[in-house]
Amino acid sequence: MLDNRPTLPPEIARRRTFAIIAHPDAGKTTLTEKFLLFGGAIQMAGQVRAKGEARRTRSDFIKMEQERGISVSASAMSFDFREYRFNLVDTPGHSDFSEDTYRTLTAVDAAVMVIDGAKGVESQTRKLFEVCRLRDLPILTFCNKMDREARDTFEIIDEIQENLAIDVSPASWPIGSGREFLGCYDILNDRLELMDRADRNRVAETIQINGLDDPKLAEHVPAAMLAKLREELEMARELLPAFDRAALLNGSMTPIWFGSAINSFGVKELMDGIGKFGPEPQPQPTASRKVAPEESAVTGVVFKVQANMDPKHRDRVAFVRLASGHFERGMKLTHVRTKKPMAIANPVMFLAADRELAEEAWAGDIIGIPNHGQLRIGDALTEGEALRFTGIPSFAPELLQGVRAGDPMKAKHLEKALMQFAEEGAAKVFKPMIGSGFIVGVVGALQFEVLASRIEQEYSLPVRFEPSQFTSARWLTGAKADVEKFVNVNKGHVAYDNDGDLVYLTRLRWDIDRVERDHPELKLTATKEMMV
């Protein structure tokens, strides 16, 4: 992966585009805050659940996220750190929003996996890890909350190796844990990092030492802990592989840093690691060829649409990952799906919920393009070449419910609101062939609550979700005549999705088996690629 790539222009080579993945509550939002703090992007990090105004975490902008202290939509932030430009995509950790996260992972070059020192690898981490594995994404691991009672270091590393089948190489080693947690020994740079508990926004003290036998160590670390550290590190060197950048880049090894994000500890070392070892912007796959970042023509792909980011303006922002070239504000790009030129007059870069106009952007960057619904997930923007980016998934919903407006006169408004959410990828909306009303499908139950609260806030439209007789949906494809024949007999089970594609709604797993058995000429699928 490293050797045969040409050298990238310096502006592109300094880009690092990555996502943070974790199980809910592992401390991902806190880590994001500290990244912004060290990148000089915010002066003071707010705690997610602090009091009153202080709790408005900078990266969560939907009202519900601020109230519950969870992130439900992936947001993108760009900031400089040392000589690097970081594009950080925060992903929802809550399993009900996993589809958004899967799509986000198609737009980044690496992932930072956060795990909780006490809980180790949790179910959601495993799922997200699988997606990274499918795409061979390089993964850097941060073991958080070492200042609380944590498990034995070897145990944590073993669990990652066993559960995720990946080699783990320690980049730092914790000294003590819980109340006794003093800091870490930085293995990669032979340094002692001490944690300062007094001021959470202050950066830890670093003591340069010369290996583990340096007498200076004893001045800072109590004798018993020092003996344990020496013993553990000796074992670690025997048992665990040494760090190898090539193995990180091909996805077979993950370096692990230990720390405590809330105490700003270990975060800087992790950021250094992302800059030093993380991948530069990578070629992006399309149906016809791979687009290399150093190509001069600008190309980009929409991987997320966020509606109503600014409730006063009813705007929608399409998040675009630039795959190649040097983009400048005001450029005309071709919108491949409609073949129409689009002048991109006011692209934005995000710094948490604050946006600023982006005068320019390079391959690897993520820009937001405000639009009124022209751009959808999966759309390509190019300087004329008809490219179709591949690999952006759309999953069949696991929960289906009917939806009605509280006021029957407002059915039209409801349809508009639902279509917006469908295009944003927040839900699937099906219009049954028979009967009025819509069926909304989501991956997790919490999404119904979020939808109801957003429709009410953003469209002043109270809605009711009601149980539906259907339990799952499958996309229906086949020869036109076969499909028509099938549809005529099964009208009560057939609906259109928001792209106008046919969907077969089922009550039982048996329905799906029956169709597959009796109609081998038709195909029922649980995912469809976001077709453009």
Protein backbone atom coordinates (compact mmCIF):
# COMPACT_ATOMS: atom_id res chain seq x y z
CA MET A 1 0.00 0.00 0.00
CA LEU A 2 2.93 2.29 0.67
CA ASP A 3 5.52 1.55 -1.93
CA ASN A 4 3.85 1.93 -5.27
CA ARG A 5 1.99 5.16 -4.56
CA PRO A 6 3.44 8.37 -6.05
CA THR A 7 4.35 11.14 -3.62
CA LEU A 8 1.38 13.37 -2.97
CA PRO A 9 1.45 17.17 -3.22
CA PRO A 10 2.41 18.46 0.30
CA GLU A 11 -1.04 19.99 0.93
CA ILE A 12 -2.73 16.62 0.32
CA ALA A 13 -0.03 14.59 2.07
CA ARG A 14 -0.61 16.46 5.34
CA ARG A 15 -4.32 15.54 5.42
CA ARG A 16 -5.50 12.85 7.84
CA THR A 17 -9.16 11.94 7.46
CA PHE A 18 -10.47 9.59 10.12
CA ALA A 19 -13.55 8.61 12.10
CA ILE A 20 -13.83 7.82 15.79
CA ILE A 21 -15.74 4.62 16.52
CA ALA A 22 -16.81 3.29 19.90
CA HIS A 23 -19.53 1.67 21.96
CA PRO A 24 -21.88 4.26 23.54
CA ASP A 25 -20.34 5.78 26.64
CA ALA A 26 -16.74 4.80 25.97
CA GLY A 27 -15.90 8.51 25.94
CA LYS A 28 -15.88 9.27 22.25
CA THR A 29 -17.43 12.72 22.43
CA THR A 30 -15.04 13.69 25.23
CA LEU A 31 -12.09 12.54 23.12
CA THR A 32 -13.38 14.59 20.17
CA GLU A 33 -13.53 17.64 22.43
CA LYS A 34 -9.93 17.18 23.51
CA PHE A 35 -8.80 16.78 19.90
CA LEU A 36 -10.38 20.14 19.17
CA LEU A 37 -8.81 21.61 22.29
CA PHE A 38 -5.30 20.50 21.32
CA GLY A 39 -5.90 21.51 17.73
CA GLY A 40 -6.49 25.01 19.10
CA ALA A 41 -10.04 24.88 17.81
CA ILE A 42 -11.77 25.47 21.14
CA GLN A 43 -10.42 27.16 24.23
CA MET A 44 -12.22 25.17 26.84
CA ALA A 45 -13.62 21.67 26.53
CA GLY A 46 -17.16 21.33 27.91
CA GLN A 47 -18.18 18.12 29.55
CA VAL A 48 -21.03 16.32 27.83
CA ARG A 49 -23.14 16.21 30.96
CA ALA A 50 -21.95 19.36 32.72
CA LYS A 51 -24.38 21.87 34.21
CA GLY A 52 -26.52 24.37 32.34
CA GLU A 53 -24.90 26.14 29.44
CA ALA A 54 -21.56 24.39 29.88
CA ARG A 55 -23.09 21.15 28.71
CA ARG A 56 -23.53 22.25 25.11
CA THR A 57 -20.86 19.95 23.77
CA ARG A 58 -19.34 21.51 20.73
CA SER A 59 -19.83 18.62 18.34
CA ASP A 60 -23.51 17.81 19.05
CA PHE A 61 -25.98 20.14 17.37
CA ILE A 62 -29.38 18.45 17.23
CA LYS A 63 -31.49 19.44 20.23
CA MET A 64 -32.03 15.86 21.31
CA GLU A 65 -28.28 15.18 21.32
CA GLN A 66 -27.73 18.11 23.64
CA GLU A 67 -30.49 16.98 25.99
CA ARG A 68 -29.48 13.34 26.17
CA GLY A 69 -25.74 13.67 25.91
CA ILE A 70 -25.53 11.20 23.01
CA SER A 71 -24.43 11.79 19.43
CA VAL A 72 -27.04 10.70 16.91
CA SER A 73 -25.71 12.15 13.69
CA ALA A 74 -22.17 12.03 12.41
CA SER A 75 -20.60 15.46 12.28
CA ALA A 76 -17.36 16.46 10.60
CA MET A 77 -14.71 18.80 11.91
CA SER A 78 -11.46 20.10 10.46
CA PHE A 79 -8.55 21.57 12.40
CA ASP A 80 -4.76 21.80 12.29
CA PHE A 81 -2.46 19.96 14.65
CA ARG A 82 1.31 20.46 14.31
CA GLU A 83 2.03 20.18 10.58
CA TYR A 84 -1.07 18.07 9.90
CA ARG A 85 -4.59 18.91 8.88
CA PHE A 86 -7.06 16.62 10.68
CA ASN A 87 -10.51 15.93 9.25
CA LEU A 88 -12.32 14.21 12.05
CA VAL A 89 -15.69 12.59 11.49
CA ASP A 90 -17.54 11.91 14.70
CA THR A 91 -19.90 8.95 14.41
CA PRO A 92 -22.93 8.00 16.51
CA GLY A 93 -22.00 5.20 18.87
CA HIS A 94 -25.60 4.33 19.63
CA SER A 95 -26.52 1.13 17.81
CA ASP A 96 -29.81 2.58 16.59
CA PHE A 97 -27.86 4.89 14.32
CA SER A 98 -25.40 2.40 12.95
CA GLU A 99 -26.36 2.91 9.30
CA ASP A 100 -25.20 6.53 9.43
CA THR A 101 -21.94 5.28 10.92
CA TYR A 102 -21.43 2.60 8.25
CA ARG A 103 -21.80 5.22 5.56
CA THR A 104 -19.44 7.57 7.33
CA LEU A 105 -16.78 4.87 7.36
CA THR A 106 -16.82 4.85 3.55
CA ALA A 107 -15.60 8.47 3.58
CA VAL A 108 -12.53 8.14 5.81
CA ASP A 109 -9.04 6.66 5.45
CA ALA A 110 -8.63 5.39 9.02
CA ALA A 111 -10.53 4.87 12.25
CA VAL A 112 -9.73 5.54 15.88
CA MET A 113 -11.35 2.90 18.07
CA VAL A 114 -12.10 3.99 21.62
CA ILE A 115 -12.58 1.33 24.25
CA ASP A 116 -13.38 1.64 27.93
CA GLY A 117 -10.60 0.36 30.19
CA ALA A 118 -13.09 -1.38 32.48
CA LYS A 119 -15.41 -2.85 29.86
CA GLY A 120 -13.06 -3.79 27.04
CA VAL A 121 -14.50 -4.71 23.65
CA GLU A 122 -18.29 -4.24 23.65
CA SER A 123 -20.88 -5.41 21.12
CA GLN A 124 -21.21 -2.18 19.16
CA THR A 125 -17.43 -1.87 18.86
CA ARG A 126 -17.38 -5.33 17.34
CA LYS A 127 -19.97 -4.42 14.71
CA LEU A 128 -18.20 -1.23 13.70
CA PHE A 129 -14.90 -3.03 13.65
CA GLU A 130 -16.35 -5.53 11.17
CA VAL A 131 -17.17 -2.69 8.80
CA CYS A 132 -13.63 -1.35 9.07
CA ARG A 133 -12.41 -4.87 8.39
CA LEU A 134 -14.50 -5.10 5.21
CA ARG A 135 -12.79 -1.99 3.96
CA ASP A 136 -9.32 -2.84 5.35
CA LEU A 137 -9.31 0.46 7.18
CA PRO A 138 -6.25 1.11 9.34
CA ILE A 139 -7.27 1.28 13.00
CA LEU A 140 -5.60 3.07 15.91
CA THR A 141 -6.89 2.17 19.38
CA PHE A 142 -7.29 4.37 22.43
CA CYS A 143 -8.04 2.68 25.75
CA ASN A 144 -9.89 5.34 27.73
CA LYS A 145 -10.88 5.84 31.39
CA MET A 146 -7.64 4.51 32.86
CA ASP A 147 -8.19 6.91 35.78
CA ARG A 148 -11.11 4.71 36.87
CA GLU A 149 -10.80 1.10 37.95
CA ALA A 150 -9.64 -0.62 34.78
CA ARG A 151 -8.84 -4.18 33.90
CA ASP A 152 -5.39 -5.67 33.63
CA THR A 153 -3.54 -4.29 30.61
CA PHE A 154 -2.66 -7.71 29.18
CA GLU A 155 -6.27 -8.78 29.58
CA ILE A 156 -7.50 -5.79 27.56
CA ILE A 157 -4.96 -6.43 24.81
CA ASP A 158 -5.78 -10.16 24.70
CA GLU A 159 -9.45 -9.41 24.41
CA ILE A 160 -8.88 -7.13 21.41
CA GLN A 161 -6.63 -9.70 19.74
CA GLU A 162 -9.09 -12.53 20.29
CA ASN A 163 -12.36 -10.75 19.62
CA LEU A 164 -11.26 -8.73 16.66
CA ALA A 165 -8.56 -11.01 15.27
CA ILE A 166 -6.02 -8.23 14.85
CA ASP A 167 -2.47 -7.86 16.17
CA VAL A 168 -2.12 -5.30 18.94
CA SER A 169 1.10 -3.40 19.53
CA PRO A 170 1.28 -1.19 22.63
CA ALA A 171 2.35 2.39 21.83
CA SER A 172 2.22 3.32 25.51
CA TRP A 173 1.89 1.39 28.77
CA PRO A 174 -0.20 2.49 31.77
CA ILE A 175 1.39 2.94 35.20
CA GLY A 176 -1.23 1.95 37.77
CA SER A 177 -4.97 2.30 37.24
CA GLY A 178 -7.97 3.87 38.97
CA ARG A 179 -6.92 6.15 41.82
CA GLU A 180 -3.38 4.93 41.50
CA PHE A 181 -3.13 5.86 37.83
CA LEU A 182 0.00 8.00 37.45
CA GLY A 183 0.38 8.17 33.72
CA CYS A 184 2.01 6.17 30.95
CA TYR A 185 5.34 5.11 29.66
CA ASP A 186 5.53 6.18 26.02
CA ILE A 187 7.07 3.10 24.34
CA LEU A 188 7.50 4.65 20.92
CA ASN A 189 9.48 7.65 22.19
CA ASP A 190 10.95 6.37 25.47
CA ARG A 191 9.28 9.05 27.55
CA LEU A 192 7.45 9.19 30.82
CA GLU A 193 4.07 10.95 30.63
CA LEU A 194 2.64 12.02 33.97
CA MET A 195 -0.99 12.93 34.44
CA ASP A 196 -1.98 16.14 36.18
CA ARG A 197 -5.31 15.55 37.92
CA ALA A 198 -5.72 19.11 39.12
CA ASP A 199 -6.54 20.82 35.85
CA ARG A 200 -8.43 18.85 33.24
CA ASN A 201 -7.64 21.21 30.41
CA ARG A 202 -3.92 21.27 31.08
CA VAL A 203 -1.61 19.13 29.07
CA ALA A 204 0.27 16.42 30.94
CA GLU A 205 3.91 16.79 31.89
CA THR A 206 6.43 14.90 29.78
CA ILE A 207 9.75 13.71 31.11
CA GLN A 208 12.32 12.63 28.57
CA ILE A 209 14.15 9.56 29.86
CA ASN A 210 16.66 7.18 28.48
CA GLY A 211 15.06 3.76 28.59
CA LEU A 212 13.64 1.91 31.58
CA ASP A 213 16.87 1.85 33.54
CA ASP A 214 17.12 5.63 33.74
CA PRO A 215 17.49 6.59 37.45
CA LYS A 216 15.22 9.62 36.80
CA LEU A 217 12.26 7.21 36.69
CA ALA A 218 12.52 6.53 40.40
CA GLU A 219 12.03 10.23 41.19
CA HIS A 220 8.55 10.16 39.70
CA VAL A 221 7.30 6.61 40.08
CA PRO A 222 6.99 4.77 43.46
CA ALA A 223 9.31 1.75 43.70
CA ALA A 224 6.62 -0.96 43.68
CA MET A 225 4.90 0.52 40.61
CA LEU A 226 8.20 0.94 38.85
CA ALA A 227 9.12 -2.71 39.43
CA LYS A 228 5.72 -3.76 38.07
CA LEU A 229 6.12 -1.49 35.02
CA ARG A 230 9.56 -2.95 34.21
CA GLU A 231 8.26 -6.48 34.56
CA GLU A 232 5.15 -5.85 32.44
CA LEU A 233 7.08 -4.11 29.70
CA GLU A 234 9.58 -6.94 29.51
CA MET A 235 6.69 -9.38 29.09
CA ALA A 236 5.03 -7.13 26.54
CA ARG A 237 8.19 -7.00 24.44
CA GLU A 238 8.41 -10.79 24.51
CA LEU A 239 4.74 -11.49 23.84
CA LEU A 240 3.44 -8.67 21.67
CA PRO A 241 4.53 -7.66 18.18
CA ALA A 242 6.62 -4.50 17.75
CA PHE A 243 4.87 -1.64 15.99
CA ASP A 244 5.01 -1.86 12.21
CA ARG A 245 3.51 0.93 10.11
CA ALA A 246 2.97 -1.25 7.05
CA ALA A 247 0.89 -3.69 9.12
CA LEU A 248 -1.16 -0.78 10.50
CA LEU A 249 -1.82 0.53 6.99
CA ASN A 250 -2.99 -2.80 5.62
CA GLY A 251 -5.36 -3.24 8.55
CA SER A 252 -3.66 -6.22 10.23
CA MET A 253 -2.25 -4.42 13.28
CA THR A 254 -3.51 -1.74 15.64
CA PRO A 255 -1.29 0.31 17.95
CA ILE A 256 -2.89 1.00 21.35
CA TRP A 257 -2.49 4.09 23.53
CA PHE A 258 -3.74 4.26 27.12
CA GLY A 259 -5.10 7.38 28.75
CA SER A 260 -7.96 9.35 30.18
CA ALA A 261 -9.69 11.68 27.75
CA ILE A 262 -11.51 13.60 30.45
CA ASN A 263 -8.18 14.46 32.08
CA SER A 264 -6.68 15.33 28.68
CA PHE A 265 -4.23 12.53 29.23
CA GLY A 266 -2.78 10.37 26.46
CA VAL A 267 -4.72 12.31 23.82
CA LYS A 268 -1.75 14.21 22.47
CA GLU A 269 0.27 11.03 22.02
CA LEU A 270 -2.66 9.51 20.12
CA MET A 271 -2.86 12.61 17.89
CA ASP A 272 0.88 12.42 17.23
CA GLY A 273 0.38 8.79 16.28
CA ILE A 274 -2.43 9.63 13.84
CA GLY A 275 -0.26 12.29 12.22
CA LYS A 276 2.92 10.25 12.08
CA PHE A 277 1.63 6.78 11.25
CA GLY A 278 -1.90 7.31 9.91
CA PRO A 279 -2.58 7.03 6.16
CA GLU A 280 -2.53 9.95 3.75
CA PRO A 281 -5.66 10.40 1.62
CA GLN A 282 -6.22 7.11 -0.25
CA PRO A 283 -7.56 6.35 -3.75
CA GLN A 284 -11.37 6.04 -3.75
CA PRO A 285 -13.19 3.23 -5.63
CA THR A 286 -15.66 3.97 -8.43
CA ALA A 287 -17.48 1.59 -10.77
CA SER A 288 -15.03 2.24 -13.60
CA ARG A 289 -11.67 2.96 -11.91
CA LYS A 290 -9.94 4.12 -8.73
CA VAL A 291 -9.66 7.87 -8.31
CA ALA A 292 -6.23 8.86 -7.00
CA PRO A 293 -5.96 11.88 -4.68
CA GLU A 294 -3.14 13.49 -6.70
CA GLU A 295 -5.24 13.77 -9.89
CA SER A 296 -5.70 17.40 -10.80
CA ALA A 297 -9.42 17.21 -11.65
CA VAL A 298 -11.68 17.71 -8.64
CA THR A 299 -13.98 14.79 -7.72
CA GLY A 300 -16.02 14.15 -4.59
CA VAL A 301 -18.77 11.93 -3.24
CA VAL A 302 -21.71 12.75 -0.96
CA PHE A 303 -21.69 10.36 1.98
CA LYS A 304 -24.18 12.08 4.25
CA VAL A 305 -26.97 14.61 4.03
CA GLN A 306 -28.05 16.54 7.09
CA ALA A 307 -31.35 18.40 6.84
CA ASN A 308 -32.22 21.51 8.85
CA MET A 309 -28.84 22.09 10.44
CA ASP A 310 -29.96 25.65 10.82
CA PRO A 311 -33.68 25.47 11.69
CA LYS A 312 -34.22 29.11 10.65
CA HIS A 313 -33.22 28.34 7.08
CA ARG A 314 -34.61 24.86 6.38
CA ASP A 315 -31.32 24.18 4.72
CA ARG A 316 -29.74 20.85 3.96
CA VAL A 317 -26.07 20.29 3.90
CA ALA A 318 -24.51 17.53 1.84
CA PHE A 319 -21.24 16.31 3.32
CA VAL A 320 -18.80 15.66 0.49
CA ARG A 321 -15.54 13.75 0.76
CA LEU A 322 -13.14 15.13 -1.86
CA ALA A 323 -11.46 12.23 -3.63
CA SER A 324 -9.04 14.20 -5.78
CA GLY A 325 -7.86 17.62 -6.85
CA HIS A 326 -7.75 21.10 -5.39
CA PHE A 327 -11.22 22.59 -4.96
CA GLU A 328 -11.76 26.35 -4.92
CA ARG A 329 -14.87 28.20 -3.88
CA GLY A 330 -17.11 29.17 -6.78
CA MET A 331 -16.03 26.23 -8.95
CA LYS A 332 -18.57 24.68 -11.31
CA LEU A 333 -18.79 20.93 -10.89
CA THR A 334 -20.95 18.43 -12.75
CA HIS A 335 -23.60 16.66 -10.69
CA VAL A 336 -23.23 13.24 -12.32
CA ARG A 337 -26.71 11.86 -11.55
CA THR A 338 -28.57 14.76 -13.22
CA LYS A 339 -25.69 15.66 -15.59
CA LYS A 340 -26.21 19.30 -14.58
CA PRO A 341 -23.47 21.76 -13.68
CA MET A 342 -23.59 23.11 -10.10
CA ALA A 343 -21.79 26.28 -9.11
CA ILE A 344 -20.56 25.75 -5.58
CA ALA A 345 -20.74 29.25 -4.22
CA ASN A 346 -20.80 28.76 -0.47
CA PRO A 347 -19.15 25.51 0.57
CA VAL A 348 -18.55 25.26 4.29
CA MET A 349 -15.97 23.67 6.54
CA PHE A 350 -17.13 22.60 9.95
CA LEU A 351 -15.65 23.34 13.25
CA ALA A 352 -18.12 21.47 15.41
CA ALA A 353 -21.42 23.32 14.99
CA ASP A 354 -19.72 26.50 13.77
CA ARG A 355 -19.23 26.66 10.07
CA GLU A 356 -16.99 28.91 8.05
CA LEU A 357 -16.86 29.41 4.31
CA ALA A 358 -14.27 27.16 2.71
CA GLU A 359 -12.22 29.16 0.25
CA GLU A 360 -10.40 26.02 -0.83
CA ALA A 361 -10.15 22.34 -0.02
CA TRP A 362 -7.94 19.45 -1.09
CA ALA A 363 -8.37 15.73 -1.66
CA GLY A 364 -9.12 14.11 1.70
CA ASP A 365 -11.05 17.11 3.03
CA ILE A 366 -14.72 17.05 3.91
CA ILE A 367 -16.78 20.04 2.88
CA GLY A 368 -20.44 20.79 3.33
CA ILE A 369 -22.49 21.98 0.38
CA PRO A 370 -25.75 23.71 1.34
CA ASN A 371 -28.48 22.78 -1.17
CA HIS A 372 -32.23 22.44 -1.44
CA GLY A 373 -32.43 18.74 -1.96
CA GLN A 374 -30.51 18.31 -5.22
CA LEU A 375 -27.75 16.28 -3.59
CA ARG A 376 -28.36 12.78 -2.23
CA ILE A 377 -26.21 10.18 -0.55
CA GLY A 378 -23.94 8.51 -3.09
CA ASP A 379 -23.97 11.41 -5.57
CA ALA A 380 -20.70 12.17 -7.35
CA LEU A 381 -19.45 15.67 -8.21
CA THR A 382 -16.76 15.84 -10.88
CA GLU A 383 -15.30 18.14 -13.49
CA GLY A 384 -17.27 16.33 -16.18
CA GLU A 385 -16.26 12.66 -15.88
CA ALA A 386 -19.24 10.36 -15.32
CA LEU A 387 -18.04 8.52 -12.21
CA ARG A 388 -20.11 6.40 -9.87
CA PHE A 389 -18.53 5.92 -6.46
CA THR A 390 -19.15 2.45 -5.05
CA GLY A 391 -19.41 0.92 -1.63
CA ILE A 392 -21.97 3.18 0.04
CA PRO A 393 -24.53 0.82 1.56
CA SER A 394 -28.22 1.22 2.29
CA PHE A 395 -29.66 -1.39 4.66
CA ALA A 396 -33.14 -2.87 4.90
CA PRO A 397 -34.87 -1.49 8.01
CA GLU A 398 -35.46 -3.86 10.90
CA LEU A 399 -38.45 -2.00 12.38
CA LEU A 400 -41.47 -0.73 10.47
CA GLN A 401 -44.26 1.57 11.70
CA GLY A 402 -47.11 3.46 10.11
CA VAL A 403 -47.11 7.24 10.56
CA ARG A 404 -49.96 9.77 10.61
CA ALA A 405 -50.07 13.52 11.06
CA GLY A 406 -51.95 14.67 14.18
CA ASP A 407 -53.94 16.95 11.86
CA PRO A 408 -55.29 15.04 8.81
CA MET A 409 -55.29 18.26 6.74
CA LYS A 410 -51.51 18.30 6.94
CA ALA A 411 -50.85 15.01 5.14
CA LYS A 412 -49.03 16.88 2.34
CA HIS A 413 -46.65 18.54 4.83
CA LEU A 414 -45.98 15.16 6.39
CA GLU A 415 -45.08 13.69 3.01
CA LYS A 416 -42.58 16.51 2.45
CA ALA A 417 -41.00 16.06 5.88
CA LEU A 418 -40.70 12.30 5.44
CA MET A 419 -39.11 12.66 2.01
CA GLN A 420 -36.51 14.99 3.48
CA PHE A 421 -35.59 12.48 6.16
CA ALA A 422 -35.51 9.67 3.60
CA GLU A 423 -33.07 11.59 1.41
CA GLU A 424 -30.99 12.38 4.44
CA GLY A 425 -30.76 8.65 5.08
CA ALA A 426 -32.32 8.99 8.54
CA ALA A 427 -35.13 6.56 7.70
CA LYS A 428 -36.63 4.58 4.85
CA VAL A 429 -40.05 5.79 3.73
CA PHE A 430 -42.36 3.38 1.91
CA LYS A 431 -45.59 4.32 0.14
CA PRO A 432 -47.79 1.18 -0.03
CA MET A 433 -49.59 0.62 -3.36
CA ILE A 434 -52.87 0.13 -1.54
CA GLY A 435 -54.26 2.49 1.10
CA SER A 436 -53.12 5.91 2.20
CA GLY A 437 -50.39 6.81 4.62
CA PHE A 438 -46.74 5.92 4.77
CA ILE A 439 -44.68 3.23 6.41
CA VAL A 440 -41.43 4.33 7.98
CA GLY A 441 -38.59 1.87 8.45
CA VAL A 442 -35.58 2.33 10.71
CA VAL A 443 -32.70 0.26 12.00
CA GLY A 444 -33.22 1.04 15.71
CA ALA A 445 -36.21 2.00 17.87
CA LEU A 446 -34.65 5.22 19.15
CA GLN A 447 -34.82 6.57 15.60
CA PHE A 448 -38.64 6.77 15.79
CA GLU A 449 -38.33 9.08 18.79
CA VAL A 450 -35.73 11.20 17.05
CA LEU A 451 -37.88 11.43 13.91
CA ALA A 452 -41.03 12.36 15.80
CA SER A 453 -39.20 15.03 17.77
CA ARG A 454 -37.46 16.43 14.67
CA ILE A 455 -40.66 16.51 12.56
CA GLU A 456 -42.39 18.36 15.37
CA GLN A 457 -39.55 20.85 15.90
CA GLU A 458 -38.54 21.43 12.32
CA TYR A 459 -41.98 21.33 10.68
CA SER A 460 -44.26 22.15 13.68
CA LEU A 461 -46.12 18.98 12.84
CA PRO A 462 -47.05 16.59 15.65
CA VAL A 463 -47.07 12.99 14.35
CA ARG A 464 -48.08 9.58 15.66
CA PHE A 465 -46.23 6.38 14.89
CA GLU A 466 -48.47 3.31 15.00
CA PRO A 467 -47.70 -0.39 14.83
CA SER A 468 -47.63 -1.79 11.32
CA GLN A 469 -48.59 -5.31 10.27
CA PHE A 470 -45.24 -5.57 8.47
CA THR A 471 -41.98 -6.57 10.09
CA SER A 472 -39.41 -6.25 7.35
CA ALA A 473 -38.80 -4.99 3.84
CA ARG A 474 -36.82 -6.35 0.88
CA TRP A 475 -35.96 -4.65 -2.37
CA LEU A 476 -37.52 -6.45 -5.33
CA THR A 477 -35.69 -6.84 -8.62
CA GLY A 478 -36.00 -9.00 -11.71
CA ALA A 479 -37.11 -8.90 -15.34
CA LYS A 480 -39.79 -6.26 -15.90
CA ALA A 481 -42.55 -8.68 -16.94
CA ASP A 482 -41.88 -11.03 -14.01
CA VAL A 483 -41.91 -8.17 -11.55
CA GLU A 484 -45.19 -6.78 -12.92
CA LYS A 485 -46.86 -10.17 -12.75
CA PHE A 486 -45.74 -10.63 -9.14
CA VAL A 487 -46.82 -7.13 -8.14
CA ASN A 488 -50.32 -7.59 -9.57
CA VAL A 489 -50.93 -10.61 -7.35
CA ASN A 490 -49.29 -9.17 -4.23
CA LYS A 491 -50.40 -5.54 -4.26
CA GLY A 492 -51.12 -5.55 -0.53
CA HIS A 493 -47.49 -6.31 0.20
CA VAL A 494 -45.81 -4.00 -2.27
CA ALA A 495 -44.66 -0.42 -1.73
CA TYR A 496 -42.35 2.11 -3.36
CA ASP A 497 -39.35 3.53 -1.52
CA ASN A 498 -38.41 7.20 -1.79
CA ASP A 499 -36.34 6.55 -4.93
CA GLY A 500 -39.35 4.92 -6.58
CA ASP A 501 -37.87 1.40 -6.29
CA LEU A 502 -40.19 -1.52 -5.56
CA VAL A 503 -40.15 -2.99 -2.09
CA TYR A 504 -41.79 -6.17 -0.84
CA LEU A 505 -43.10 -5.75 2.72
CA THR A 506 -43.29 -8.92 4.75
CA ARG A 507 -44.99 -10.03 7.93
CA LEU A 508 -42.99 -13.17 8.64
CA ARG A 509 -39.66 -14.64 7.65
CA TRP A 510 -41.86 -17.29 5.97
CA ASP A 511 -43.08 -14.71 3.41
CA ILE A 512 -39.53 -14.16 2.20
CA ASP A 513 -38.79 -17.89 2.00
CA ARG A 514 -42.02 -18.48 0.10
CA VAL A 515 -41.24 -15.83 -2.53
CA GLU A 516 -37.71 -17.14 -2.92
CA ARG A 517 -39.07 -20.66 -3.36
CA ASP A 518 -42.00 -19.90 -5.68
CA HIS A 519 -40.41 -17.10 -7.69
CA PRO A 520 -36.78 -18.01 -8.39
CA GLU A 521 -36.82 -15.44 -11.21
CA LEU A 522 -37.12 -12.57 -8.71
CA LYS A 523 -34.49 -11.30 -6.34
CA LEU A 524 -35.18 -10.04 -2.81
CA THR A 525 -32.29 -8.14 -1.26
CA ALA A 526 -31.72 -6.66 2.18
CA THR A 527 -29.31 -3.97 1.02
CA LYS A 528 -29.13 -1.82 -2.01
CA GLU A 529 -26.19 0.26 -2.99
CA MET A 530 -27.03 3.93 -3.00
CA MET A 531 -27.63 4.09 -6.72
CA VAL A 532 -27.02 7.31 -8.48
